[in-house]
Amino acid sequence: YGPRRESMHGAVRAQGRGLYDRVMERSLGPLIIGIGLVVVVVGVLVLSGALIWFGRLPGDVRIRSEHTRVYIPIVSCLLASVALSLILALVRRLF
């Protein structure tokens, strides 16, 4: 931690603030509500069948044999990564 200095009341405190203090300074309420709303919207889309195509994209590898099934969702993971990167970039700009 940073150098220490005496306050007016004689207590010693750290001059620099940690990451936790800087994060807690900001209002986390709207961020948590926003994340909750996104989770609810995705849940409704999954329940309604609107995302049934996700996981069955061209480029997702499916190997089926008599005794085994292997599924490797390469393109689905890439699409999810791009979507999450865009969402996080927007959140970073807003906050």
Protein backbone atom coordinates (compact mmCIF):
# COMPACT_ATOMS: atom_id res chain seq x y z
CA TYR A 1 0.00 0.00 0.00
CA GLY A 2 1.05 3.62 -0.36
CA PRO A 3 2.82 5.78 2.20
CA ARG A 4 1.00 6.46 5.43
CA ARG A 5 0.20 9.82 6.93
CA GLU A 6 -1.33 11.07 10.15
CA SER A 7 -4.88 12.38 9.99
CA MET A 8 -6.18 15.25 12.07
CA HIS A 9 -7.43 12.83 14.72
CA GLY A 10 -4.12 11.03 15.06
CA ALA A 11 -5.19 7.84 13.31
CA VAL A 12 -2.91 6.40 10.68
CA ARG A 13 -4.45 5.68 7.30
CA ALA A 14 -3.17 4.71 3.87
CA GLN A 15 -2.78 7.56 1.42
CA GLY A 16 -3.57 5.46 -1.66
CA ARG A 17 -6.85 3.65 -2.13
CA GLY A 18 -7.17 0.06 -3.20
CA LEU A 19 -9.14 -1.31 -6.12
CA TYR A 20 -12.00 -2.41 -3.86
CA ASP A 21 -12.44 1.14 -2.53
CA ARG A 22 -12.47 2.64 -6.04
CA VAL A 23 -15.02 0.11 -7.29
CA MET A 24 -17.27 0.51 -4.27
CA GLU A 25 -17.19 4.30 -4.73
CA ARG A 26 -19.18 3.90 -7.92
CA SER A 27 -22.78 2.92 -7.73
CA LEU A 28 -22.97 -0.81 -8.43
CA GLY A 29 -26.75 -0.93 -8.15
CA PRO A 30 -27.55 0.03 -11.76
CA LEU A 31 -24.90 -2.38 -13.05
CA ILE A 32 -26.32 -5.30 -11.07
CA ILE A 33 -29.86 -4.44 -12.19
CA GLY A 34 -28.68 -4.29 -15.81
CA ILE A 35 -27.00 -7.69 -15.56
CA GLY A 36 -30.17 -9.11 -14.00
CA LEU A 37 -32.31 -7.74 -16.82
CA VAL A 38 -30.01 -9.28 -19.43
CA VAL A 39 -30.22 -12.65 -17.68
CA VAL A 40 -34.03 -12.43 -17.57
CA VAL A 41 -34.25 -11.49 -21.28
CA VAL A 42 -31.97 -14.38 -22.29
CA GLY A 43 -34.00 -16.74 -20.08
CA VAL A 44 -37.25 -15.66 -21.74
CA LEU A 45 -35.69 -16.11 -25.20
CA VAL A 46 -34.51 -19.62 -24.30
CA LEU A 47 -37.90 -20.60 -22.89
CA SER A 48 -39.75 -19.25 -25.91
CA GLY A 49 -37.54 -21.20 -28.32
CA ALA A 50 -36.13 -18.09 -30.01
CA LEU A 51 -32.55 -19.28 -29.42
CA ILE A 52 -33.00 -22.84 -30.64
CA TRP A 53 -30.59 -22.13 -33.52
CA PHE A 54 -27.79 -21.33 -31.08
CA GLY A 55 -25.56 -24.36 -30.78
CA ARG A 56 -26.56 -25.70 -34.16
CA LEU A 57 -24.64 -23.29 -36.33
CA PRO A 58 -22.57 -24.35 -39.33
CA GLY A 59 -19.07 -24.92 -38.02
CA ASP A 60 -20.16 -26.53 -34.76
CA VAL A 61 -18.64 -30.01 -34.78
CA ARG A 62 -20.88 -33.00 -34.03
CA ILE A 63 -19.50 -36.51 -34.03
CA ARG A 64 -21.93 -39.35 -33.44
CA SER A 65 -21.17 -43.01 -33.35
CA GLU A 66 -22.95 -45.99 -31.93
CA HIS A 67 -21.68 -45.53 -28.38
CA THR A 68 -20.42 -41.95 -28.19
CA ARG A 69 -21.52 -38.43 -28.98
CA VAL A 70 -19.10 -35.52 -29.15
CA TYR A 71 -20.19 -31.93 -29.63
CA ILE A 72 -17.72 -29.06 -30.02
CA PRO A 73 -19.51 -25.69 -30.42
CA ILE A 74 -16.70 -23.73 -32.12
CA VAL A 75 -18.80 -21.18 -34.02
CA SER A 76 -21.33 -20.80 -31.21
CA CYS A 77 -18.51 -19.99 -28.76
CA LEU A 78 -17.02 -17.46 -31.20
CA LEU A 79 -20.40 -15.79 -31.61
CA ALA A 80 -20.93 -15.65 -27.84
CA SER A 81 -17.43 -14.21 -27.37
CA VAL A 82 -18.04 -11.44 -29.90
CA ALA A 83 -21.42 -10.60 -28.36
CA LEU A 84 -20.01 -10.46 -24.82
CA SER A 85 -17.05 -8.36 -25.99
CA LEU A 86 -19.41 -5.83 -27.58
CA ILE A 87 -21.61 -5.70 -24.49
CA LEU A 88 -18.64 -5.21 -22.17
CA ALA A 89 -17.21 -2.48 -24.43
CA LEU A 90 -20.55 -0.63 -24.27
CA VAL A 91 -20.70 -1.01 -20.48
CA ARG A 92 -17.13 0.27 -20.17
CA ARG A 93 -17.98 3.37 -22.24
CA LEU A 94 -21.13 4.08 -20.25
CA PHE A 95 -19.42 3.82 -16.87
